[in-house]
Amino acid sequence: MKELTKNYVKELRQNSTDAEKHLWYYLRAKRLKGYKFRRQHLVYPYVVDFVCLAKMLIVELDGGQHAEQCAYDEKRALFLQAHGYSILRFWNHEVLQETEVVLNEIFTSLKKKF
């Protein structure tokens, strides 16, 4: 199962949405105030969009499909939170149209985490 998931992660990285590509530009290479992020990272058995492992902060981007999978998202969030992660969720259009607001919210959350 893990190998299958690793291949799935690789596929996700290669087929990123426009919003994921846009946000990744600002998060990669420690561009957000020196914080290191990973994208499409495996937190077994789930794949998260972006994660700062040092601060245990996950950033998830949601498109229209997420409105139909609320139960799955809730189960997934409970699992990740039980393992010490905090989760921020943004709609794709927020990332694309209000980038500075999104980045400020991410940075504020990073500062709050010891």
PDB file of N, CA and C in Angstrom:
ATOM      1  N   MET A   1       0.815  -1.206   0.000  1.00  0.00           N
ATOM      2  CA  MET A   1       0.000   0.000   0.000  1.00  0.00           C
ATOM      3  C   MET A   1       0.857   1.268   0.000  1.00  0.00           C
ATOM      4  N   LYS A   2       1.941   1.274   0.794  1.00  0.00           N
ATOM      5  CA  LYS A   2       2.784   2.475   0.851  1.00  0.00           C
ATOM      6  C   LYS A   2       3.388   2.797  -0.513  1.00  0.00           C
ATOM      7  N   GLU A   3       3.823   1.785  -1.247  1.00  0.00           N
ATOM      8  CA  GLU A   3       4.412   2.031  -2.568  1.00  0.00           C
ATOM      9  C   GLU A   3       3.381   2.626  -3.506  1.00  0.00           C
ATOM     10  N   LEU A   4       2.173   2.092  -3.459  1.00  0.00           N
ATOM     11  CA  LEU A   4       1.092   2.628  -4.269  1.00  0.00           C
ATOM     12  C   LEU A   4       0.840   4.092  -3.898  1.00  0.00           C
ATOM     13  N   THR A   5       0.873   4.401  -2.617  1.00  0.00           N
ATOM     14  CA  THR A   5       0.650   5.766  -2.165  1.00  0.00           C
ATOM     15  C   THR A   5       1.779   6.680  -2.624  1.00  0.00           C
ATOM     16  N   LYS A   6       3.023   6.208  -2.582  1.00  0.00           N
ATOM     17  CA  LYS A   6       4.146   7.018  -3.057  1.00  0.00           C
ATOM     18  C   LYS A   6       3.991   7.351  -4.535  1.00  0.00           C
ATOM     19  N   ASN A   7       3.536   6.399  -5.315  1.00  0.00           N
ATOM     20  CA  ASN A   7       3.298   6.662  -6.732  1.00  0.00           C
ATOM     21  C   ASN A   7       2.165   7.666  -6.912  1.00  0.00           C
ATOM     22  N   TYR A   8       1.144   7.559  -6.072  1.00  0.00           N
ATOM     23  CA  TYR A   8       0.026   8.497  -6.122  1.00  0.00           C
ATOM     24  C   TYR A   8       0.491   9.915  -5.785  1.00  0.00           C
ATOM     25  N   VAL A   9       1.365  10.039  -4.779  1.00  0.00           N
ATOM     26  CA  VAL A   9       1.916  11.340  -4.404  1.00  0.00           C
ATOM     27  C   VAL A   9       2.684  11.939  -5.578  1.00  0.00           C
ATOM     28  N   LYS A  10       3.483  11.134  -6.226  1.00  0.00           N
ATOM     29  CA  LYS A  10       4.253  11.605  -7.382  1.00  0.00           C
ATOM     30  C   LYS A  10       3.319  12.103  -8.480  1.00  0.00           C
ATOM     31  N   GLU A  11       2.249  11.373  -8.708  1.00  0.00           N
ATOM     32  CA  GLU A  11       1.263  11.770  -9.708  1.00  0.00           C
ATOM     33  C   GLU A  11       0.592  13.093  -9.324  1.00  0.00           C
ATOM     34  N   LEU A  12       0.266  13.255  -8.054  1.00  0.00           N
ATOM     35  CA  LEU A  12      -0.348  14.503  -7.589  1.00  0.00           C
ATOM     36  C   LEU A  12       0.584  15.690  -7.808  1.00  0.00           C
ATOM     37  N   ARG A  13       1.858  15.500  -7.533  1.00  0.00           N
ATOM     38  CA  ARG A  13       2.828  16.586  -7.726  1.00  0.00           C
ATOM     39  C   ARG A  13       2.919  16.991  -9.194  1.00  0.00           C
ATOM     40  N   GLN A  14       2.839  16.001 -10.061  1.00  0.00           N
ATOM     41  CA  GLN A  14       2.940  16.284 -11.493  1.00  0.00           C
ATOM     42  C   GLN A  14       1.675  16.915 -12.063  1.00  0.00           C
ATOM     43  N   ASN A  15       0.546  16.732 -11.386  1.00  0.00           N
ATOM     44  CA  ASN A  15      -0.734  17.238 -11.879  1.00  0.00           C
ATOM     45  C   ASN A  15      -1.345  18.255 -10.919  1.00  0.00           C
ATOM     46  N   SER A  16      -0.545  19.166 -10.418  1.00  0.00           N
ATOM     47  CA  SER A  16      -1.017  20.174  -9.475  1.00  0.00           C
ATOM     48  C   SER A  16      -2.045  21.101 -10.122  1.00  0.00           C
ATOM     49  N   THR A  17      -2.966  21.585  -9.303  1.00  0.00           N
ATOM     50  CA  THR A  17      -3.939  22.563  -9.785  1.00  0.00           C
ATOM     51  C   THR A  17      -3.248  23.924  -9.918  1.00  0.00           C
ATOM     52  N   ASP A  18      -3.915  24.847 -10.587  1.00  0.00           N
ATOM     53  CA  ASP A  18      -3.366  26.202 -10.720  1.00  0.00           C
ATOM     54  C   ASP A  18      -3.161  26.839  -9.350  1.00  0.00           C
ATOM     55  N   ALA A  19      -4.113  26.641  -8.446  1.00  0.00           N
ATOM     56  CA  ALA A  19      -4.000  27.218  -7.099  1.00  0.00           C
ATOM     57  C   ALA A  19      -2.816  26.612  -6.350  1.00  0.00           C
ATOM     58  N   GLU A  20      -2.616  25.296  -6.471  1.00  0.00           N
ATOM     59  CA  GLU A  20      -1.480  24.648  -5.809  1.00  0.00           C
ATOM     60  C   GLU A  20      -0.160  25.174  -6.363  1.00  0.00           C
ATOM     61  N   LYS A  21      -0.061  25.308  -7.662  1.00  0.00           N
ATOM     62  CA  LYS A  21       1.160  25.844  -8.275  1.00  0.00           C
ATOM     63  C   LYS A  21       1.427  27.263  -7.800  1.00  0.00           C
ATOM     64  N   HIS A  22       0.358  28.055  -7.728  1.00  0.00           N
ATOM     65  CA  HIS A  22       0.485  29.452  -7.315  1.00  0.00           C
ATOM     66  C   HIS A  22       0.980  29.545  -5.873  1.00  0.00           C
ATOM     67  N   LEU A  23       0.337  28.812  -4.975  1.00  0.00           N
ATOM     68  CA  LEU A  23       0.746  28.871  -3.571  1.00  0.00           C
ATOM     69  C   LEU A  23       2.139  28.285  -3.376  1.00  0.00           C
ATOM     70  N   TRP A  24       2.450  27.223  -4.109  1.00  0.00           N
ATOM     71  CA  TRP A  24       3.764  26.598  -3.971  1.00  0.00           C
ATOM     72  C   TRP A  24       4.880  27.575  -4.325  1.00  0.00           C
ATOM     73  N   TYR A  25       4.635  28.457  -5.269  1.00  0.00           N
ATOM     74  CA  TYR A  25       5.636  29.460  -5.621  1.00  0.00           C
ATOM     75  C   TYR A  25       6.048  30.260  -4.379  1.00  0.00           C
ATOM     76  N   TYR A  26       5.090  30.571  -3.512  1.00  0.00           N
ATOM     77  CA  TYR A  26       5.350  31.389  -2.329  1.00  0.00           C
ATOM     78  C   TYR A  26       5.857  30.580  -1.131  1.00  0.00           C
ATOM     79  N   LEU A  27       5.572  29.289  -1.101  1.00  0.00           N
ATOM     80  CA  LEU A  27       5.966  28.461   0.044  1.00  0.00           C
ATOM     81  C   LEU A  27       7.287  27.734  -0.171  1.00  0.00           C
ATOM     82  N   ARG A  28       7.646  27.466  -1.416  1.00  0.00           N
ATOM     83  CA  ARG A  28       8.826  26.644  -1.683  1.00  0.00           C
ATOM     84  C   ARG A  28      10.115  27.388  -1.347  1.00  0.00           C
ATOM     85  N   ALA A  29      11.139  26.635  -1.147  1.00  0.00           N
ATOM     86  CA  ALA A  29      12.492  27.167  -0.913  1.00  0.00           C
ATOM     87  C   ALA A  29      12.536  28.168   0.245  1.00  0.00           C
ATOM     88  N   LYS A  30      11.735  27.919   1.271  1.00  0.00           N
ATOM     89  CA  LYS A  30      11.710  28.748   2.484  1.00  0.00           C
ATOM     90  C   LYS A  30      11.385  30.211   2.191  1.00  0.00           C
ATOM     91  N   ARG A  31      10.578  30.455   1.149  1.00  0.00           N
ATOM     92  CA  ARG A  31      10.244  31.829   0.769  1.00  0.00           C
ATOM     93  C   ARG A  31       9.306  32.516   1.750  1.00  0.00           C
ATOM     94  N   LEU A  32       8.585  31.756   2.559  1.00  0.00           N
ATOM     95  CA  LEU A  32       7.692  32.366   3.536  1.00  0.00           C
ATOM     96  C   LEU A  32       8.428  32.497   4.863  1.00  0.00           C
ATOM     97  N   LYS A  33       9.164  33.588   4.999  1.00  0.00           N
ATOM     98  CA  LYS A  33       9.866  33.935   6.245  1.00  0.00           C
ATOM     99  C   LYS A  33      10.774  32.826   6.760  1.00  0.00           C
ATOM    100  N   GLY A  34      11.323  32.023   5.853  1.00  0.00           N
ATOM    101  CA  GLY A  34      12.277  30.991   6.239  1.00  0.00           C
ATOM    102  C   GLY A  34      11.687  29.654   6.651  1.00  0.00           C
ATOM    103  N   TYR A  35      10.369  29.510   6.586  1.00  0.00           N
ATOM    104  CA  TYR A  35       9.741  28.238   6.955  1.00  0.00           C
ATOM    105  C   TYR A  35       9.791  27.261   5.788  1.00  0.00           C
ATOM    106  N   LYS A  36      10.176  26.035   6.083  1.00  0.00           N
ATOM    107  CA  LYS A  36      10.270  24.994   5.051  1.00  0.00           C
ATOM    108  C   LYS A  36       8.941  24.254   4.931  1.00  0.00           C
ATOM    109  N   PHE A  37       8.448  24.177   3.704  1.00  0.00           N
ATOM    110  CA  PHE A  37       7.223  23.440   3.409  1.00  0.00           C
ATOM    111  C   PHE A  37       7.516  22.307   2.439  1.00  0.00           C
ATOM    112  N   ARG A  38       6.703  21.286   2.534  1.00  0.00           N
ATOM    113  CA  ARG A  38       6.700  20.189   1.565  1.00  0.00           C
ATOM    114  C   ARG A  38       5.328  20.199   0.905  1.00  0.00           C
ATOM    115  N   ARG A  39       5.273  19.760  -0.342  1.00  0.00           N
ATOM    116  CA  ARG A  39       3.968  19.699  -1.016  1.00  0.00           C
ATOM    117  C   ARG A  39       3.622  18.270  -1.361  1.00  0.00           C
ATOM    118  N   GLN A  40       2.323  18.002  -1.381  1.00  0.00           N
ATOM    119  CA  GLN A  40       1.809  16.656  -1.641  1.00  0.00           C
ATOM    120  C   GLN A  40       2.613  15.651  -0.813  1.00  0.00           C
ATOM    121  N   HIS A  41       2.595  15.887   0.481  1.00  0.00           N
ATOM    122  CA  HIS A  41       3.399  15.093   1.408  1.00  0.00           C
ATOM    123  C   HIS A  41       2.549  13.987   2.030  1.00  0.00           C
ATOM    124  N   LEU A  42       3.139  12.833   2.149  1.00  0.00           N
ATOM    125  CA  LEU A  42       2.454  11.677   2.710  1.00  0.00           C
ATOM    126  C   LEU A  42       2.510  11.706   4.234  1.00  0.00           C
ATOM    127  N   VAL A  43       1.335  11.834   4.853  1.00  0.00           N
ATOM    128  CA  VAL A  43       1.181  11.638   6.295  1.00  0.00           C
ATOM    129  C   VAL A  43       0.296  10.408   6.364  1.00  0.00           C
ATOM    130  N   TYR A  44       0.930   9.263   6.309  1.00  0.00           N
ATOM    131  CA  TYR A  44       0.259   7.993   6.072  1.00  0.00           C
ATOM    132  C   TYR A  44      -0.933   7.791   6.993  1.00  0.00           C
ATOM    133  N   PRO A  45      -2.060   7.450   6.450  1.00  0.00           N
ATOM    134  CA  PRO A  45      -2.362   7.025   5.086  1.00  0.00           C
ATOM    135  C   PRO A  45      -2.876   8.150   4.178  1.00  0.00           C
ATOM    136  N   TYR A  46      -2.707   9.399   4.591  1.00  0.00           N
ATOM    137  CA  TYR A  46      -3.243  10.518   3.822  1.00  0.00           C
ATOM    138  C   TYR A  46      -2.139  11.308   3.136  1.00  0.00           C
ATOM    139  N   VAL A  47      -2.519  12.015   2.084  1.00  0.00           N
ATOM    140  CA  VAL A  47      -1.618  12.931   1.392  1.00  0.00           C
ATOM    141  C   VAL A  47      -2.146  14.329   1.658  1.00  0.00           C
ATOM    142  N   VAL A  48      -1.275  15.207   2.158  1.00  0.00           N
ATOM    143  CA  VAL A  48      -1.679  16.587   2.437  1.00  0.00           C
ATOM    144  C   VAL A  48      -1.100  17.499   1.365  1.00  0.00           C
ATOM    145  N   ASP A  49      -1.792  18.592   1.095  1.00  0.00           N
ATOM    146  CA  ASP A  49      -1.345  19.495   0.031  1.00  0.00           C
ATOM    147  C   ASP A  49       0.006  20.126   0.361  1.00  0.00           C
ATOM    148  N   PHE A  50       0.096  20.762   1.528  1.00  0.00           N
ATOM    149  CA  PHE A  50       1.336  21.407   1.969  1.00  0.00           C
ATOM    150  C   PHE A  50       1.480  21.179   3.465  1.00  0.00           C
ATOM    151  N   VAL A  51       2.722  21.036   3.908  1.00  0.00           N
ATOM    152  CA  VAL A  51       2.953  20.860   5.347  1.00  0.00           C
ATOM    153  C   VAL A  51       4.287  21.484   5.727  1.00  0.00           C
ATOM    154  N   CYS A  52       4.268  22.171   6.866  1.00  0.00           N
ATOM    155  CA  CYS A  52       5.493  22.626   7.511  1.00  0.00           C
ATOM    156  C   CYS A  52       5.699  21.661   8.672  1.00  0.00           C
ATOM    157  N   LEU A  53       6.611  20.713   8.509  1.00  0.00           N
ATOM    158  CA  LEU A  53       6.813  19.676   9.518  1.00  0.00           C
ATOM    159  C   LEU A  53       7.343  20.237  10.834  1.00  0.00           C
ATOM    160  N   ALA A  54       8.172  21.264  10.759  1.00  0.00           N
ATOM    161  CA  ALA A  54       8.739  21.849  11.971  1.00  0.00           C
ATOM    162  C   ALA A  54       7.657  22.428  12.878  1.00  0.00           C
ATOM    163  N   LYS A  55       6.579  22.913  12.287  1.00  0.00           N
ATOM    164  CA  LYS A  55       5.492  23.522  13.059  1.00  0.00           C
ATOM    165  C   LYS A  55       4.223  22.666  13.049  1.00  0.00           C
ATOM    166  N   MET A  56       4.295  21.493  12.393  1.00  0.00           N
ATOM    167  CA  MET A  56       3.147  20.577  12.335  1.00  0.00           C
ATOM    168  C   MET A  56       1.891  21.291  11.809  1.00  0.00           C
ATOM    169  N   LEU A  57       2.088  22.115  10.770  1.00  0.00           N
ATOM    170  CA  LEU A  57       0.988  22.873  10.176  1.00  0.00           C
ATOM    171  C   LEU A  57       0.737  22.374   8.754  1.00  0.00           C
ATOM    172  N   ILE A  58      -0.495  21.993   8.506  1.00  0.00           N
ATOM    173  CA  ILE A  58      -0.926  21.533   7.186  1.00  0.00           C
ATOM    174  C   ILE A  58      -1.760  22.622   6.551  1.00  0.00           C
ATOM    175  N   VAL A  59      -1.523  22.860   5.263  1.00  0.00           N
ATOM    176  CA  VAL A  59      -2.328  23.807   4.487  1.00  0.00           C
ATOM    177  C   VAL A  59      -3.000  23.013   3.374  1.00  0.00           C
ATOM    178  N   GLU A  60      -4.318  23.059   3.380  1.00  0.00           N
ATOM    179  CA  GLU A  60      -5.116  22.333   2.386  1.00  0.00           C
ATOM    180  C   GLU A  60      -5.834  23.323   1.484  1.00  0.00           C
ATOM    181  N   LEU A  61      -5.866  23.013   0.199  1.00  0.00           N
ATOM    182  CA  LEU A  61      -6.608  23.818  -0.768  1.00  0.00           C
ATOM    183  C   LEU A  61      -7.807  23.024  -1.251  1.00  0.00           C
ATOM    184  N   ASP A  62      -8.932  23.690  -1.306  1.00  0.00           N
ATOM    185  CA  ASP A  62     -10.173  23.026  -1.683  1.00  0.00           C
ATOM    186  C   ASP A  62     -10.768  23.636  -2.938  1.00  0.00           C
ATOM    187  N   GLY A  63     -11.138  22.772  -3.845  1.00  0.00           N
ATOM    188  CA  GLY A  63     -11.897  23.172  -5.020  1.00  0.00           C
ATOM    189  C   GLY A  63     -13.342  22.771  -4.812  1.00  0.00           C
ATOM    190  N   GLY A  64     -14.131  22.833  -5.835  1.00  0.00           N
ATOM    191  CA  GLY A  64     -15.555  22.521  -5.749  1.00  0.00           C
ATOM    192  C   GLY A  64     -15.861  21.115  -5.287  1.00  0.00           C
ATOM    193  N   GLN A  65     -14.979  20.149  -5.551  1.00  0.00           N
ATOM    194  CA  GLN A  65     -15.240  18.752  -5.198  1.00  0.00           C
ATOM    195  C   GLN A  65     -15.309  18.540  -3.701  1.00  0.00           C
ATOM    196  N   HIS A  66     -14.706  19.423  -2.918  1.00  0.00           N
ATOM    197  CA  HIS A  66     -14.669  19.223  -1.464  1.00  0.00           C
ATOM    198  C   HIS A  66     -16.025  19.437  -0.806  1.00  0.00           C
ATOM    199  N   ALA A  67     -16.894  20.151  -1.447  1.00  0.00           N
ATOM    200  CA  ALA A  67     -18.236  20.344  -0.889  1.00  0.00           C
ATOM    201  C   ALA A  67     -18.980  19.013  -0.813  1.00  0.00           C
ATOM    202  N   GLU A  68     -18.618  18.071  -1.684  1.00  0.00           N
ATOM    203  CA  GLU A  68     -19.296  16.780  -1.743  1.00  0.00           C
ATOM    204  C   GLU A  68     -18.631  15.703  -0.905  1.00  0.00           C
ATOM    205  N   GLN A  69     -17.499  15.999  -0.283  1.00  0.00           N
ATOM    206  CA  GLN A  69     -16.804  14.970   0.495  1.00  0.00           C
ATOM    207  C   GLN A  69     -16.534  15.433   1.922  1.00  0.00           C
ATOM    208  N   CYS A  70     -17.499  16.090   2.510  1.00  0.00           N
ATOM    209  CA  CYS A  70     -17.351  16.634   3.871  1.00  0.00           C
ATOM    210  C   CYS A  70     -17.054  15.552   4.902  1.00  0.00           C
ATOM    211  N   ALA A  71     -17.733  14.413   4.818  1.00  0.00           N
ATOM    212  CA  ALA A  71     -17.538  13.340   5.797  1.00  0.00           C
ATOM    213  C   ALA A  71     -16.105  12.817   5.744  1.00  0.00           C
ATOM    214  N   TYR A  72     -15.575  12.620   4.543  1.00  0.00           N
ATOM    215  CA  TYR A  72     -14.196  12.153   4.376  1.00  0.00           C
ATOM    216  C   TYR A  72     -13.224  13.188   4.939  1.00  0.00           C
ATOM    217  N   ASP A  73     -13.437  14.461   4.593  1.00  0.00           N
ATOM    218  CA  ASP A  73     -12.549  15.528   5.064  1.00  0.00           C
ATOM    219  C   ASP A  73     -12.547  15.611   6.590  1.00  0.00           C
ATOM    220  N   GLU A  74     -13.711  15.427   7.206  1.00  0.00           N
ATOM    221  CA  GLU A  74     -13.814  15.488   8.668  1.00  0.00           C
ATOM    222  C   GLU A  74     -13.041  14.332   9.314  1.00  0.00           C
ATOM    223  N   LYS A  75     -13.208  13.136   8.779  1.00  0.00           N
ATOM    224  CA  LYS A  75     -12.491  11.958   9.301  1.00  0.00           C
ATOM    225  C   LYS A  75     -10.983  12.159   9.167  1.00  0.00           C
ATOM    226  N   ARG A  76     -10.573  12.638   8.026  1.00  0.00           N
ATOM    227  CA  ARG A  76      -9.170  12.886   7.734  1.00  0.00           C
ATOM    228  C   ARG A  76      -8.606  13.946   8.690  1.00  0.00           C
ATOM    229  N   ALA A  77      -9.345  15.032   8.891  1.00  0.00           N
ATOM    230  CA  ALA A  77      -8.906  16.107   9.780  1.00  0.00           C
ATOM    231  C   ALA A  77      -8.758  15.606  11.213  1.00  0.00           C
ATOM    232  N   LEU A  78      -9.694  14.810  11.675  1.00  0.00           N
ATOM    233  CA  LEU A  78      -9.613  14.265  13.040  1.00  0.00           C
ATOM    234  C   LEU A  78      -8.374  13.397  13.210  1.00  0.00           C
ATOM    235  N   PHE A  79      -8.072  12.584  12.209  1.00  0.00           N
ATOM    236  CA  PHE A  79      -6.880  11.737  12.251  1.00  0.00           C
ATOM    237  C   PHE A  79      -5.614  12.594  12.337  1.00  0.00           C
ATOM    238  N   LEU A  80      -5.515  13.586  11.467  1.00  0.00           N
ATOM    239  CA  LEU A  80      -4.317  14.434  11.418  1.00  0.00           C
ATOM    240  C   LEU A  80      -4.165  15.251  12.699  1.00  0.00           C
ATOM    241  N   GLN A  81      -5.262  15.776  13.218  1.00  0.00           N
ATOM    242  CA  GLN A  81      -5.208  16.539  14.460  1.00  0.00           C
ATOM    243  C   GLN A  81      -4.822  15.642  15.635  1.00  0.00           C
ATOM    244  N   ALA A  82      -5.289  14.412  15.632  1.00  0.00           N
ATOM    245  CA  ALA A  82      -4.931  13.463  16.690  1.00  0.00           C
ATOM    246  C   ALA A  82      -3.435  13.152  16.678  1.00  0.00           C
ATOM    247  N   HIS A  83      -2.807  13.357  15.524  1.00  0.00           N
ATOM    248  CA  HIS A  83      -1.364  13.133  15.407  1.00  0.00           C
ATOM    249  C   HIS A  83      -0.573  14.434  15.540  1.00  0.00           C
ATOM    250  N   GLY A  84      -1.213  15.482  16.060  1.00  0.00           N
ATOM    251  CA  GLY A  84      -0.513  16.712  16.403  1.00  0.00           C
ATOM    252  C   GLY A  84      -0.496  17.813  15.368  1.00  0.00           C
ATOM    253  N   TYR A  85      -1.149  17.610  14.245  1.00  0.00           N
ATOM    254  CA  TYR A  85      -1.145  18.621  13.186  1.00  0.00           C
ATOM    255  C   TYR A  85      -2.276  19.622  13.359  1.00  0.00           C
ATOM    256  N   SER A  86      -2.016  20.868  12.988  1.00  0.00           N
ATOM    257  CA  SER A  86      -3.047  21.882  12.830  1.00  0.00           C
ATOM    258  C   SER A  86      -3.312  21.998  11.336  1.00  0.00           C
ATOM    259  N   ILE A  87      -4.536  22.361  10.984  1.00  0.00           N
ATOM    260  CA  ILE A  87      -4.904  22.395   9.570  1.00  0.00           C
ATOM    261  C   ILE A  87      -5.538  23.737   9.228  1.00  0.00           C
ATOM    262  N   LEU A  88      -5.031  24.347   8.167  1.00  0.00           N
ATOM    263  CA  LEU A  88      -5.649  25.534   7.577  1.00  0.00           C
ATOM    264  C   LEU A  88      -6.232  25.126   6.239  1.00  0.00           C
ATOM    265  N   ARG A  89      -7.452  25.582   5.946  1.00  0.00           N
ATOM    266  CA  ARG A  89      -8.092  25.260   4.672  1.00  0.00           C
ATOM    267  C   ARG A  89      -8.428  26.547   3.940  1.00  0.00           C
ATOM    268  N   PHE A  90      -8.135  26.565   2.649  1.00  0.00           N
ATOM    269  CA  PHE A  90      -8.461  27.702   1.803  1.00  0.00           C
ATOM    270  C   PHE A  90      -9.116  27.198   0.520  1.00  0.00           C
ATOM    271  N   TRP A  91     -10.041  27.975   0.008  1.00  0.00           N
ATOM    272  CA  TRP A  91     -10.623  27.686  -1.295  1.00  0.00           C
ATOM    273  C   TRP A  91      -9.622  28.104  -2.367  1.00  0.00           C
ATOM    274  N   ASN A  92      -9.635  27.407  -3.483  1.00  0.00           N
ATOM    275  CA  ASN A  92      -8.728  27.727  -4.585  1.00  0.00           C
ATOM    276  C   ASN A  92      -8.825  29.194  -4.991  1.00  0.00           C
ATOM    277  N   HIS A  93     -10.041  29.708  -5.072  1.00  0.00           N
ATOM    278  CA  HIS A  93     -10.200  31.095  -5.526  1.00  0.00           C
ATOM    279  C   HIS A  93      -9.591  32.085  -4.520  1.00  0.00           C
ATOM    280  N   GLU A  94      -9.561  31.734  -3.234  1.00  0.00           N
ATOM    281  CA  GLU A  94      -8.912  32.595  -2.246  1.00  0.00           C
ATOM    282  C   GLU A  94      -7.414  32.679  -2.520  1.00  0.00           C
ATOM    283  N   VAL A  95      -6.817  31.541  -2.803  1.00  0.00           N
ATOM    284  CA  VAL A  95      -5.380  31.498  -3.074  1.00  0.00           C
ATOM    285  C   VAL A  95      -5.044  32.313  -4.313  1.00  0.00           C
ATOM    286  N   LEU A  96      -5.863  32.195  -5.332  1.00  0.00           N
ATOM    287  CA  LEU A  96      -5.586  32.877  -6.594  1.00  0.00           C
ATOM    288  C   LEU A  96      -5.913  34.366  -6.554  1.00  0.00           C
ATOM    289  N   GLN A  97      -6.944  34.757  -5.798  1.00  0.00           N
ATOM    290  CA  GLN A  97      -7.404  36.150  -5.813  1.00  0.00           C
ATOM    291  C   GLN A  97      -6.990  36.952  -4.589  1.00  0.00           C
ATOM    292  N   GLU A  98      -6.680  36.274  -3.488  1.00  0.00           N
ATOM    293  CA  GLU A  98      -6.332  36.959  -2.243  1.00  0.00           C
ATOM    294  C   GLU A  98      -5.050  36.357  -1.648  1.00  0.00           C
ATOM    295  N   THR A  99      -4.039  36.249  -2.472  1.00  0.00           N
ATOM    296  CA  THR A  99      -2.802  35.568  -2.082  1.00  0.00           C
ATOM    297  C   THR A  99      -2.185  36.148  -0.813  1.00  0.00           C
ATOM    298  N   GLU A 100      -2.099  37.463  -0.729  1.00  0.00           N
ATOM    299  CA  GLU A 100      -1.472  38.088   0.444  1.00  0.00           C
ATOM    300  C   GLU A 100      -2.223  37.756   1.734  1.00  0.00           C
ATOM    301  N   VAL A 101      -3.553  37.735   1.672  1.00  0.00           N
ATOM    302  CA  VAL A 101      -4.363  37.394   2.851  1.00  0.00           C
ATOM    303  C   VAL A 101      -4.073  35.958   3.276  1.00  0.00           C
ATOM    304  N   VAL A 102      -4.016  35.052   2.308  1.00  0.00           N
ATOM    305  CA  VAL A 102      -3.732  33.642   2.590  1.00  0.00           C
ATOM    306  C   VAL A 102      -2.343  33.497   3.202  1.00  0.00           C
ATOM    307  N   LEU A 103      -1.349  34.126   2.613  1.00  0.00           N
ATOM    308  CA  LEU A 103       0.019  34.029   3.130  1.00  0.00           C
ATOM    309  C   LEU A 103       0.122  34.616   4.534  1.00  0.00           C
ATOM    310  N   ASN A 104      -0.570  35.706   4.786  1.00  0.00           N
ATOM    311  CA  ASN A 104      -0.556  36.300   6.127  1.00  0.00           C
ATOM    312  C   ASN A 104      -1.192  35.366   7.149  1.00  0.00           C
ATOM    313  N   GLU A 105      -2.270  34.704   6.772  1.00  0.00           N
ATOM    314  CA  GLU A 105      -2.919  33.769   7.690  1.00  0.00           C
ATOM    315  C   GLU A 105      -2.021  32.570   7.981  1.00  0.00           C
ATOM    316  N   ILE A 106      -1.347  32.083   6.953  1.00  0.00           N
ATOM    317  CA  ILE A 106      -0.408  30.966   7.150  1.00  0.00           C
ATOM    318  C   ILE A 106       0.725  31.396   8.085  1.00  0.00           C
ATOM    319  N   PHE A 107       1.290  32.568   7.819  1.00  0.00           N
ATOM    320  CA  PHE A 107       2.395  33.050   8.643  1.00  0.00           C
ATOM    321  C   PHE A 107       1.972  33.270  10.089  1.00  0.00           C
ATOM    322  N   THR A 108       0.785  33.827  10.298  1.00  0.00           N
ATOM    323  CA  THR A 108       0.264  34.036  11.649  1.00  0.00           C
ATOM    324  C   THR A 108       0.124  32.708  12.379  1.00  0.00           C
ATOM    325  N   SER A 109      -0.359  31.685  11.681  1.00  0.00           N
ATOM    326  CA  SER A 109      -0.504  30.362  12.298  1.00  0.00           C
ATOM    327  C   SER A 109       0.858  29.756  12.628  1.00  0.00           C
ATOM    328  N   LEU A 110       1.826  29.962  11.774  1.00  0.00           N
ATOM    329  CA  LEU A 110       3.168  29.442  12.035  1.00  0.00           C
ATOM    330  C   LEU A 110       3.774  30.092  13.287  1.00  0.00           C
ATOM    331  N   LYS A 111       3.568  31.383  13.447  1.00  0.00           N
ATOM    332  CA  LYS A 111       4.110  32.089  14.607  1.00  0.00           C
ATOM    333  C   LYS A 111       3.449  31.634  15.904  1.00  0.00           C
ATOM    334  N   LYS A 112       2.173  31.241  15.838  1.00  0.00           N
ATOM    335  CA  LYS A 112       1.450  30.805  17.033  1.00  0.00           C
ATOM    336  C   LYS A 112       1.936  29.458  17.536  1.00  0.00           C
ATOM    337  N   LYS A 113       2.412  28.627  16.608  1.00  0.00           N
ATOM    338  CA  LYS A 113       2.880  27.287  16.983  1.00  0.00           C
ATOM    339  C   LYS A 113       4.274  27.421  17.596  1.00  0.00           C
ATOM    340  N   PHE A 114       4.461  26.910  18.801  1.00  0.00           N
ATOM    341  CA  PHE A 114       5.736  27.033  19.491  1.00  0.00           C
ATOM    342  C   PHE A 114       6.783  26.468  18.662  1.00  0.00           C
TER     343      PHE A 114
END
